[in-house]
Amino acid sequence: MAENEKLEAKAAKKKAKGPSVWARIAAWFRSVKAEMKKIVWESPKAVFSNTVMVLVALVVFAVVIGLLDVIFSKFIYILGILI
């Protein structure tokens, strides 16, 4: 009888802890898979178009920053000559 009570207490204690680590990891992967199915993926054409727009904007900003750098460095050089 005492052994039965010990086994029951052990089972109750294990049940109170909740699911095991592996069960929680498996549940996490299942939820990730379910969320990935909800994603609306863009078409390859839209992705290419957006990529081209980003690259063009990057080049434009690089040129503007480069021109500002040249202008300011010339200004500082001329300022150094005057002083």
Protein backbone atom coordinates (compact mmCIF):
# COMPACT_ATOMS: atom_id res chain seq x y z
CA MET A 1 0.00 0.00 0.00
CA ALA A 2 2.77 2.39 0.85
CA GLU A 3 4.45 1.68 -2.48
CA ASN A 4 1.22 2.48 -4.34
CA GLU A 5 0.98 5.79 -2.51
CA LYS A 6 4.59 6.58 -3.37
CA LEU A 7 4.01 5.76 -7.04
CA GLU A 8 0.83 7.83 -7.09
CA ALA A 9 2.61 10.74 -5.43
CA LYS A 10 5.45 10.46 -7.94
CA ALA A 11 3.00 10.39 -10.88
CA ALA A 12 1.10 13.38 -9.48
CA LYS A 13 4.35 15.29 -8.99
CA LYS A 14 5.44 14.53 -12.57
CA LYS A 15 2.02 15.53 -13.91
CA ALA A 16 2.13 18.83 -12.00
CA LYS A 17 5.44 19.78 -13.64
CA GLY A 18 3.87 19.98 -17.08
CA PRO A 19 5.15 18.73 -20.41
CA SER A 20 8.74 17.68 -20.87
CA VAL A 21 11.38 19.80 -22.57
CA TRP A 22 11.12 17.72 -25.76
CA ALA A 23 7.36 18.08 -25.85
CA ARG A 24 7.68 21.87 -25.51
CA ILE A 25 10.31 21.99 -28.27
CA ALA A 26 8.08 19.92 -30.56
CA ALA A 27 5.12 22.20 -29.81
CA TRP A 28 7.27 25.25 -30.62
CA PHE A 29 8.25 23.78 -34.00
CA ARG A 30 4.61 22.98 -34.75
CA SER A 31 3.61 26.56 -33.97
CA VAL A 32 6.44 27.91 -36.14
CA LYS A 33 5.27 25.72 -39.02
CA ALA A 34 1.68 26.95 -38.57
CA GLU A 35 2.81 30.60 -38.57
CA MET A 36 4.94 30.09 -41.69
CA LYS A 37 1.86 28.85 -43.53
CA LYS A 38 0.10 32.16 -42.75
CA ILE A 39 2.76 34.26 -44.49
CA VAL A 40 1.75 35.84 -47.80
CA TRP A 41 4.85 35.67 -49.97
CA GLU A 42 5.51 38.31 -52.63
CA SER A 43 5.89 37.26 -56.24
CA PRO A 44 9.44 37.02 -57.63
CA LYS A 45 8.65 39.92 -59.96
CA ALA A 46 7.70 42.18 -57.03
CA VAL A 47 10.79 41.14 -55.08
CA PHE A 48 13.02 41.93 -58.07
CA SER A 49 11.34 45.30 -58.59
CA ASN A 50 11.75 46.25 -54.91
CA THR A 51 15.39 45.14 -54.95
CA VAL A 52 16.12 47.33 -57.98
CA MET A 53 14.46 50.32 -56.29
CA VAL A 54 16.56 49.83 -53.15
CA LEU A 55 19.78 49.54 -55.16
CA VAL A 56 18.98 52.69 -57.16
CA ALA A 57 18.23 54.63 -53.96
CA LEU A 58 21.50 53.34 -52.48
CA VAL A 59 23.50 54.57 -55.47
CA VAL A 60 21.77 57.97 -55.44
CA PHE A 61 22.45 58.48 -51.73
CA ALA A 62 26.06 57.34 -52.13
CA VAL A 63 26.61 59.88 -54.93
CA VAL A 64 24.99 62.70 -52.93
CA ILE A 65 27.07 61.92 -49.83
CA GLY A 66 30.22 61.63 -51.95
CA LEU A 67 29.57 65.03 -53.57
CA LEU A 68 28.93 66.63 -50.17
CA ASP A 69 32.17 65.12 -48.89
CA VAL A 70 34.16 66.56 -51.83
CA ILE A 71 32.52 69.99 -51.43
CA PHE A 72 33.15 70.15 -47.68
CA SER A 73 36.73 68.87 -47.98
CA LYS A 74 37.49 71.56 -50.60
CA PHE A 75 35.91 74.17 -48.33
CA ILE A 76 38.04 73.02 -45.38
CA TYR A 77 41.17 73.02 -47.60
CA ILE A 78 40.48 76.59 -48.79
CA LEU A 79 39.75 77.64 -45.21
CA GLY A 80 43.10 76.19 -44.14
CA ILE A 81 44.91 78.17 -46.84
CA LEU A 82 43.23 81.44 -45.81
CA ILE A 83 44.11 81.02 -42.14
